Amino acid sequence: MSEPHASPAPGVSTELVVLLDATASALSGVDRRQDGRGVTWSIGGQPIAMVEGTMASFRIGREIGAAARNTPDASASALGPDWVALQPESLDDHARDRAVAWFAAAHRRAGRG
């Protein structure tokens, strides 16, 4: 993940993408793909996180996801029960902390599979 990336697709929250790119660069085995809908990070072809528009989604598992959905700006994801969506009005310190923690949780979970 050391090579520079293209700018996010129109409508994608640049702040979220930059934050998750930095998080991914500190972890091993993370691939990044960008298309017209947004940015997806994956491990071994399995998506672990996505940003589309102002929403980030993380594949953190059912148990962690159930608890995560009870935090501010979080909700169920249309991607399935293993996913949680985060759509903060602003990327304050609390939203940043959740995004980084959930990305790391998704990375750990993918490593167990």
Protein backbone atom coordinates (compact mmCIF):
# COMPACT_ATOMS: atom_id res chain seq x y z
CA MET A 1 0.00 0.00 0.00
CA SER A 2 2.94 2.33 -0.34
CA GLU A 3 2.20 3.57 -3.86
CA PRO A 4 0.10 6.72 -4.22
CA HIS A 5 -3.60 6.25 -4.88
CA ALA A 6 -5.90 8.00 -7.29
CA SER A 7 -8.31 10.51 -5.81
CA PRO A 8 -11.51 8.99 -4.48
CA ALA A 9 -14.44 8.74 -6.88
CA PRO A 10 -16.78 11.74 -6.94
CA GLY A 11 -18.94 11.83 -3.84
CA VAL A 12 -16.62 9.67 -1.74
CA SER A 13 -15.63 11.23 1.55
CA THR A 14 -11.96 12.02 1.03
CA GLU A 15 -11.38 12.30 4.78
CA LEU A 16 -12.65 8.76 5.40
CA VAL A 17 -10.61 7.33 2.54
CA VAL A 18 -7.41 9.06 3.69
CA LEU A 19 -7.96 7.82 7.27
CA LEU A 20 -8.58 4.24 6.17
CA ASP A 21 -5.67 4.29 3.70
CA ALA A 22 -3.38 5.30 6.58
CA THR A 23 -4.83 2.56 8.76
CA ALA A 24 -4.44 -0.05 6.01
CA SER A 25 -0.83 0.95 5.37
CA ALA A 26 0.05 0.00 8.96
CA LEU A 27 -1.43 -3.50 8.53
CA SER A 28 -0.23 -6.45 6.48
CA GLY A 29 -1.84 -7.97 3.42
CA VAL A 30 -4.41 -5.29 2.68
CA ASP A 31 -5.29 -4.63 -0.96
CA ARG A 32 -7.13 -1.52 -2.15
CA ARG A 33 -9.48 -1.23 -5.12
CA GLN A 34 -11.28 1.83 -6.35
CA ASP A 35 -14.16 1.93 -8.79
CA GLY A 36 -16.95 4.31 -9.70
CA ARG A 37 -18.83 3.54 -6.49
CA GLY A 38 -16.04 4.01 -3.97
CA VAL A 39 -13.04 2.32 -2.38
CA THR A 40 -12.79 -1.26 -1.08
CA TRP A 41 -10.03 -2.73 1.08
CA SER A 42 -9.66 -6.50 1.11
CA ILE A 43 -7.47 -9.35 2.29
CA GLY A 44 -7.05 -12.34 0.02
CA GLY A 45 -9.94 -11.13 -2.13
CA GLN A 46 -12.30 -10.85 0.87
CA PRO A 47 -13.59 -7.30 1.40
CA ILE A 48 -13.05 -6.00 4.92
CA ALA A 49 -14.02 -2.34 4.53
CA MET A 50 -15.64 -0.05 1.98
CA VAL A 51 -16.31 3.65 1.57
CA GLU A 52 -19.16 4.76 -0.66
CA GLY A 53 -20.24 8.37 -0.49
CA THR A 54 -20.08 9.49 3.12
CA MET A 55 -20.58 5.97 4.50
CA ALA A 56 -17.91 3.54 5.57
CA SER A 57 -18.76 -0.13 6.13
CA PHE A 58 -16.67 -2.65 8.04
CA ARG A 59 -16.88 -6.46 8.11
CA ILE A 60 -16.40 -6.95 11.84
CA GLY A 61 -18.65 -9.95 12.50
CA ARG A 62 -22.09 -10.38 14.00
CA GLU A 63 -21.16 -10.12 17.68
CA ILE A 64 -18.96 -7.04 17.46
CA GLY A 65 -21.31 -5.57 14.86
CA ALA A 66 -24.31 -5.90 17.17
CA ALA A 67 -22.53 -3.82 19.81
CA ALA A 68 -21.08 -1.39 17.28
CA ARG A 69 -24.53 -0.60 15.87
CA ASN A 70 -25.44 0.88 19.26
CA THR A 71 -22.81 3.63 18.95
CA PRO A 72 -23.40 7.10 17.47
CA ASP A 73 -23.55 7.34 13.66
CA ALA A 74 -23.55 3.54 13.26
CA SER A 75 -26.21 1.32 11.74
CA ALA A 76 -26.81 -2.03 10.11
CA SER A 77 -25.18 -2.32 6.72
CA ALA A 78 -26.95 -3.42 3.56
CA LEU A 79 -23.88 -5.65 3.00
CA GLY A 80 -25.12 -8.17 5.57
CA PRO A 81 -25.15 -9.07 9.26
CA ASP A 82 -21.34 -9.30 9.50
CA TRP A 83 -21.06 -5.64 8.49
CA VAL A 84 -21.61 -2.35 10.32
CA ALA A 85 -22.04 1.02 8.62
CA LEU A 86 -20.61 4.30 9.92
CA GLN A 87 -21.93 7.58 8.56
CA PRO A 88 -20.88 10.44 10.82
CA GLU A 89 -22.00 14.00 10.21
CA SER A 90 -18.39 15.02 10.79
CA LEU A 91 -15.24 12.99 11.22
CA ASP A 92 -14.56 14.04 14.81
CA ASP A 93 -12.15 12.21 17.12
CA HIS A 94 -14.81 9.71 18.22
CA ALA A 95 -15.80 8.82 14.64
CA ARG A 96 -12.12 8.52 13.69
CA ASP A 97 -11.49 6.20 16.64
CA ARG A 98 -14.42 3.96 15.68
CA ALA A 99 -13.37 3.83 12.01
CA VAL A 100 -9.77 2.88 12.85
CA ALA A 101 -10.82 0.33 15.50
CA TRP A 102 -13.41 -1.28 13.21
CA PHE A 103 -10.95 -1.45 10.31
CA ALA A 104 -8.43 -3.18 12.59
CA ALA A 105 -11.14 -5.56 13.86
CA ALA A 106 -12.10 -6.42 10.28
CA HIS A 107 -8.43 -7.05 9.48
CA ARG A 108 -8.02 -9.38 12.49
CA ARG A 109 -11.25 -11.20 11.62
CA ALA A 110 -10.14 -11.76 8.01
CA GLY A 111 -6.82 -13.16 9.24
CA ARG A 112 -8.66 -15.89 11.16
CA GLY A 113 -10.58 -17.05 8.09
